[in-house]
Amino acid sequence: MQIGIDFREYNRNTLKRRLARRMALAACNHLEEYLDFLKTTPSEGIALAQEFTIKVSRFFRDKEVFEFLKEKILPGLFRQAKRDFGLIRIWSIGCARGEEPYSLAILIQELKEALLLEEIVCRIFATDIDQQALDSARKGVFGPEALKDVSPEIIEKYFIPLSGPKPLFQVRPEIQKMVDFLHHDVTSPQTTSPPPGIYHEYQLILCRYLLIYCSQTLKGRVLKKLYRALAPEGFLVLGKAESVCPELGDFFELIDKEAQIYRKRGQNEG
């Protein structure tokens, strides 16, 4: 079964570990046996792709990153938007079930109220290659584990408790409407920025905990793509275990090492 995702340039050791897990679950002892199982079990192709892109996230993951955005990055973007067209464009890559983009939306709404800048419009484009994760993200329903780093005040303000056998909370509509969830593969050489017709000029891009799964060649290609997608002096946020390739030092300036936040340099199209 083909699902349209090319994993050939992903980290081989990671793929081997996760392939071994799927083989064990399918009770297959040899690759040839598992390949036959893939061919005869359409759902296994989807399950294998989901295994390769396992979703581990929660709201406000790495609090220091969101604190830096709140204190050092977003206020400047607000001031710039007020001078220009009143619009902030953000791209959240590998958004999983929506924890990161919804966290950004909440943070931005809090800042808009604090700075009395309700007229500023923020569009957050959240993308992933896992359609099931995107469908879940659009519903905006989360359990306590995803919200363990969120204060009771924020939960009360931005989430609706749902009745049922398990405690669940739904993101309020005013936060949901700030985020557009789109199917998009940032590693594909055939794509640029998220569809439909949305190209470049993002003031802020978050690509956290995705590059660790990429080969060095693929990592460099993705970073060049993100460079082209950023607005002049736009900001790029990577995962804490990630960094920009040394050979791309002319493209990005490191702003904060702990939070792995970079600013776009110059106008080089890479």
Protein backbone atom coordinates (compact mmCIF):
# COMPACT_ATOMS: atom_id res chain seq x y z
CA MET A 1 0.00 0.00 0.00
CA GLN A 2 1.32 3.47 -0.93
CA ILE A 3 0.37 6.41 1.29
CA GLY A 4 2.30 9.16 -0.51
CA ILE A 5 4.99 9.84 2.11
CA ASP A 6 8.68 9.34 1.31
CA PHE A 7 10.64 8.27 4.41
CA ARG A 8 13.90 7.41 2.60
CA GLU A 9 15.75 10.45 3.99
CA TYR A 10 14.52 10.10 7.57
CA ASN A 11 16.91 8.95 10.29
CA ARG A 12 17.51 5.25 9.60
CA ASN A 13 18.07 4.19 13.21
CA THR A 14 14.75 5.72 14.25
CA LEU A 15 12.94 4.05 11.36
CA LYS A 16 14.49 0.67 12.19
CA ARG A 17 13.37 0.86 15.84
CA ARG A 18 9.81 1.75 14.93
CA LEU A 19 9.65 -0.75 12.10
CA ALA A 20 10.74 -3.46 14.57
CA ARG A 21 7.89 -2.46 16.88
CA ARG A 22 5.29 -2.77 14.11
CA MET A 23 6.75 -6.14 13.06
CA ALA A 24 6.48 -7.41 16.64
CA LEU A 25 2.86 -6.24 16.90
CA ALA A 26 2.10 -8.00 13.61
CA ALA A 27 3.90 -11.18 14.82
CA CYS A 28 6.28 -11.01 11.85
CA ASN A 29 9.80 -12.32 12.34
CA HIS A 30 11.29 -11.37 8.96
CA LEU A 31 11.07 -8.32 6.69
CA GLU A 32 9.74 -10.41 3.81
CA GLU A 33 6.94 -11.66 6.04
CA TYR A 34 6.10 -8.12 7.14
CA LEU A 35 6.15 -6.88 3.53
CA ASP A 36 3.55 -9.52 2.63
CA PHE A 37 1.52 -8.40 5.63
CA LEU A 38 1.70 -4.79 4.43
CA LYS A 39 0.49 -5.76 0.97
CA THR A 40 -2.49 -7.70 2.30
CA THR A 41 -3.45 -5.39 5.20
CA PRO A 42 -4.25 -1.86 3.94
CA SER A 43 -4.59 -0.41 7.44
CA GLU A 44 -1.03 -1.44 8.34
CA GLY A 45 0.50 1.08 5.93
CA ILE A 46 -1.27 3.88 7.76
CA ALA A 47 -0.29 2.42 11.13
CA LEU A 48 3.36 2.18 10.05
CA ALA A 49 3.41 5.80 8.87
CA GLN A 50 1.90 6.89 12.18
CA GLU A 51 4.59 4.87 13.99
CA PHE A 52 7.29 6.72 12.04
CA THR A 53 5.71 10.06 13.01
CA ILE A 54 4.76 9.23 16.58
CA LYS A 55 2.91 12.06 18.34
CA VAL A 56 4.31 13.17 21.70
CA SER A 57 3.16 16.62 22.72
CA ARG A 58 1.26 18.67 25.26
CA PHE A 59 0.14 22.26 25.75
CA PHE A 60 2.98 24.74 26.33
CA ARG A 61 5.63 22.05 25.93
CA ASP A 62 8.98 23.57 26.99
CA LYS A 63 7.57 26.48 28.97
CA GLU A 64 10.74 28.54 28.58
CA VAL A 65 10.17 28.64 24.81
CA PHE A 66 6.70 30.10 25.22
CA GLU A 67 7.98 32.52 27.86
CA PHE A 68 10.64 33.75 25.42
CA LEU A 69 8.03 34.16 22.70
CA LYS A 70 5.79 36.05 25.11
CA GLU A 71 8.49 38.37 26.43
CA LYS A 72 10.89 38.83 23.51
CA ILE A 73 9.30 37.93 20.18
CA LEU A 74 5.55 38.42 20.02
CA PRO A 75 5.39 42.00 21.39
CA GLY A 76 7.68 43.09 18.56
CA LEU A 77 5.54 41.28 16.02
CA PHE A 78 2.49 43.02 17.46
CA ARG A 79 4.13 46.43 17.10
CA GLN A 80 5.16 45.64 13.53
CA ALA A 81 1.66 44.43 12.67
CA LYS A 82 0.13 47.59 14.11
CA ARG A 83 2.38 49.69 11.83
CA ASP A 84 1.74 47.55 8.76
CA PHE A 85 -1.37 45.58 7.87
CA GLY A 86 -2.50 44.37 11.29
CA LEU A 87 -1.76 40.71 10.44
CA ILE A 88 0.60 38.18 12.02
CA ARG A 89 1.22 34.93 10.14
CA ILE A 90 2.56 31.87 11.98
CA TRP A 91 3.31 28.37 10.74
CA SER A 92 3.35 25.42 13.18
CA ILE A 93 4.96 22.39 11.48
CA GLY A 94 4.33 18.85 12.70
CA CYS A 95 1.41 20.05 14.77
CA ALA A 96 0.27 16.54 15.79
CA ARG A 97 -3.13 16.84 17.50
CA GLY A 98 -2.94 20.62 17.81
CA GLU A 99 -1.37 21.20 21.22
CA GLU A 100 1.31 23.58 19.91
CA PRO A 101 -0.81 25.82 17.62
CA TYR A 102 -3.59 26.05 20.21
CA SER A 103 -0.98 27.01 22.83
CA LEU A 104 0.20 29.77 20.49
CA ALA A 105 -3.36 30.95 19.93
CA ILE A 106 -3.97 31.15 23.68
CA LEU A 107 -0.69 32.99 24.25
CA ILE A 108 -1.50 35.48 21.49
CA GLN A 109 -5.01 36.08 22.79
CA GLU A 110 -3.63 36.74 26.27
CA LEU A 111 -1.14 39.24 24.84
CA LYS A 112 -3.76 40.97 22.71
CA GLU A 113 -5.84 41.59 25.81
CA ALA A 114 -2.87 42.68 27.92
CA LEU A 115 -1.54 45.08 25.26
CA LEU A 116 -5.01 46.32 24.24
CA LEU A 117 -4.39 45.28 20.64
CA GLU A 118 -7.55 43.34 19.87
CA GLU A 119 -7.52 44.74 16.32
CA ILE A 120 -4.46 42.65 15.44
CA VAL A 121 -5.38 39.55 13.41
CA CYS A 122 -3.29 36.41 13.83
CA ARG A 123 -3.50 33.46 11.43
CA ILE A 124 -1.85 30.25 12.56
CA PHE A 125 -1.32 27.60 9.88
CA ALA A 126 -0.78 24.20 11.50
CA THR A 127 0.40 21.33 9.30
CA ASP A 128 1.10 17.62 9.64
CA ILE A 129 1.35 14.55 7.41
CA ASP A 130 -0.97 12.50 9.65
CA GLN A 131 -4.57 13.06 8.53
CA GLN A 132 -6.00 11.29 11.58
CA ALA A 133 -4.03 13.60 13.88
CA LEU A 134 -5.32 16.62 11.95
CA ASP A 135 -8.92 15.41 12.24
CA SER A 136 -8.41 15.09 16.00
CA ALA A 137 -6.81 18.54 16.16
CA ARG A 138 -9.77 20.18 14.46
CA LYS A 139 -12.08 18.80 17.17
CA GLY A 140 -9.90 20.43 19.83
CA VAL A 141 -10.68 17.89 22.56
CA PHE A 142 -7.96 16.96 25.07
CA GLY A 143 -7.51 14.97 28.25
CA PRO A 144 -5.75 16.00 31.47
CA GLU A 145 -2.34 14.68 30.34
CA ALA A 146 -2.16 17.20 27.48
CA LEU A 147 -3.07 20.01 29.90
CA LYS A 148 -0.75 19.14 32.79
CA ASP A 149 1.42 22.25 32.21
CA VAL A 150 -1.57 24.61 31.92
CA SER A 151 -2.73 26.72 34.86
CA PRO A 152 -6.27 26.24 36.19
CA GLU A 153 -7.01 29.85 35.27
CA ILE A 154 -6.11 29.29 31.61
CA ILE A 155 -8.07 26.03 31.50
CA GLU A 156 -11.14 27.76 32.92
CA LYS A 157 -10.81 30.67 30.49
CA TYR A 158 -10.08 28.82 27.25
CA PHE A 159 -11.49 25.31 27.62
CA ILE A 160 -14.97 23.86 27.96
CA PRO A 161 -15.30 20.81 30.25
CA LEU A 162 -17.14 17.97 28.53
CA SER A 163 -19.44 15.55 30.30
CA GLY A 164 -18.63 11.86 30.06
CA PRO A 165 -16.91 8.94 31.79
CA LYS A 166 -13.45 10.50 31.37
CA PRO A 167 -12.41 14.14 32.02
CA LEU A 168 -12.12 15.90 28.68
CA PHE A 169 -11.79 19.56 27.72
CA GLN A 170 -12.57 21.27 24.42
CA VAL A 171 -10.78 24.38 23.17
CA ARG A 172 -13.20 27.32 23.03
CA PRO A 173 -14.41 28.35 19.54
CA GLU A 174 -12.67 31.75 19.62
CA ILE A 175 -9.31 29.97 19.96
CA GLN A 176 -10.15 27.24 17.45
CA LYS A 177 -10.96 29.76 14.73
CA MET A 178 -7.45 31.26 15.00
CA VAL A 179 -5.91 28.01 13.68
CA ASP A 180 -6.15 26.49 10.18
CA PHE A 181 -5.18 22.80 10.11
CA LEU A 182 -3.77 21.62 6.78
CA HIS A 183 -2.28 18.38 5.44
CA HIS A 184 1.26 19.17 4.30
CA ASP A 185 4.63 17.42 4.11
CA VAL A 186 7.42 19.93 4.70
CA THR A 187 10.04 17.32 3.73
CA SER A 188 8.62 16.82 0.24
CA PRO A 189 10.65 18.45 -2.58
CA GLN A 190 7.38 19.09 -4.43
CA THR A 191 5.96 21.47 -1.80
CA THR A 192 6.78 24.92 -0.47
CA SER A 193 4.50 26.40 2.17
CA PRO A 194 1.05 25.17 3.23
CA PRO A 195 -1.76 25.19 0.65
CA PRO A 196 -3.99 26.65 -0.62
CA GLY A 197 -1.99 29.42 -2.26
CA ILE A 198 -0.24 30.42 0.97
CA TYR A 199 3.37 31.22 0.21
CA HIS A 200 6.13 32.79 2.27
CA GLU A 201 6.16 35.83 4.52
CA TYR A 202 5.63 34.09 7.85
CA GLN A 203 6.79 36.22 10.75
CA LEU A 204 7.19 33.13 12.94
CA ILE A 205 7.72 29.44 12.10
CA LEU A 206 7.86 26.65 14.67
CA CYS A 207 9.45 23.40 13.48
CA ARG A 208 10.12 21.58 16.74
CA TYR A 209 11.19 17.96 17.14
CA LEU A 210 10.92 17.15 13.45
CA LEU A 211 14.50 17.66 12.23
CA ILE A 212 15.81 15.02 14.65
CA TYR A 213 14.11 12.44 12.42
CA CYS A 214 15.81 13.73 9.25
CA SER A 215 19.11 12.88 7.61
CA GLN A 216 21.60 15.76 7.36
CA THR A 217 20.78 16.22 3.69
CA LEU A 218 17.04 16.38 4.32
CA LYS A 219 17.54 18.65 7.33
CA GLY A 220 19.48 21.15 5.22
CA ARG A 221 16.84 21.09 2.50
CA VAL A 222 14.02 21.69 4.99
CA LEU A 223 15.87 24.57 6.67
CA LYS A 224 16.43 26.26 3.31
CA LYS A 225 12.72 25.87 2.57
CA LEU A 226 11.84 27.48 5.91
CA TYR A 227 14.29 30.29 5.23
CA ARG A 228 12.46 31.10 2.00
CA ALA A 229 9.09 30.92 3.77
CA LEU A 230 10.08 33.43 6.47
CA ALA A 231 9.41 37.15 6.19
CA PRO A 232 12.48 39.42 6.40
CA GLU A 233 13.89 39.14 9.95
CA GLY A 234 11.27 36.49 10.73
CA PHE A 235 11.84 34.00 13.54
CA LEU A 236 12.37 30.23 13.47
CA VAL A 237 11.90 28.01 16.54
CA LEU A 238 13.46 24.54 16.61
CA GLY A 239 13.28 21.78 19.20
CA LYS A 240 15.66 21.89 22.15
CA ALA A 241 17.74 19.01 20.78
CA GLU A 242 17.95 20.57 17.31
CA SER A 243 20.02 23.32 15.71
CA VAL A 244 20.67 25.01 12.38
CA CYS A 245 23.38 23.35 10.27
CA PRO A 246 26.71 25.25 10.56
CA GLU A 247 26.80 25.74 6.79
CA LEU A 248 23.53 27.72 7.05
CA GLY A 249 24.98 30.23 9.50
CA ASP A 250 24.67 32.97 6.88
CA PHE A 251 20.94 32.27 6.69
CA PHE A 252 20.01 32.31 10.39
CA GLU A 253 21.18 34.22 13.47
CA LEU A 254 20.87 32.42 16.82
CA ILE A 255 18.78 34.57 19.17
CA ASP A 256 18.45 32.25 22.17
CA LYS A 257 20.43 29.02 22.54
CA GLU A 258 18.30 27.44 25.29
CA ALA A 259 15.04 27.97 23.40
CA GLN A 260 16.69 27.35 19.99
CA ILE A 261 15.20 30.49 18.42
CA TYR A 262 16.72 32.00 15.28
CA ARG A 263 16.20 35.14 13.20
CA LYS A 264 16.36 35.16 9.42
CA ARG A 265 19.37 36.97 8.00
CA GLY A 266 19.31 39.00 4.78
CA GLN A 267 17.30 38.20 1.67
CA ASN A 268 19.26 35.20 0.35
CA GLU A 269 16.84 32.84 -1.37
CA GLY A 270 19.09 29.83 -0.73
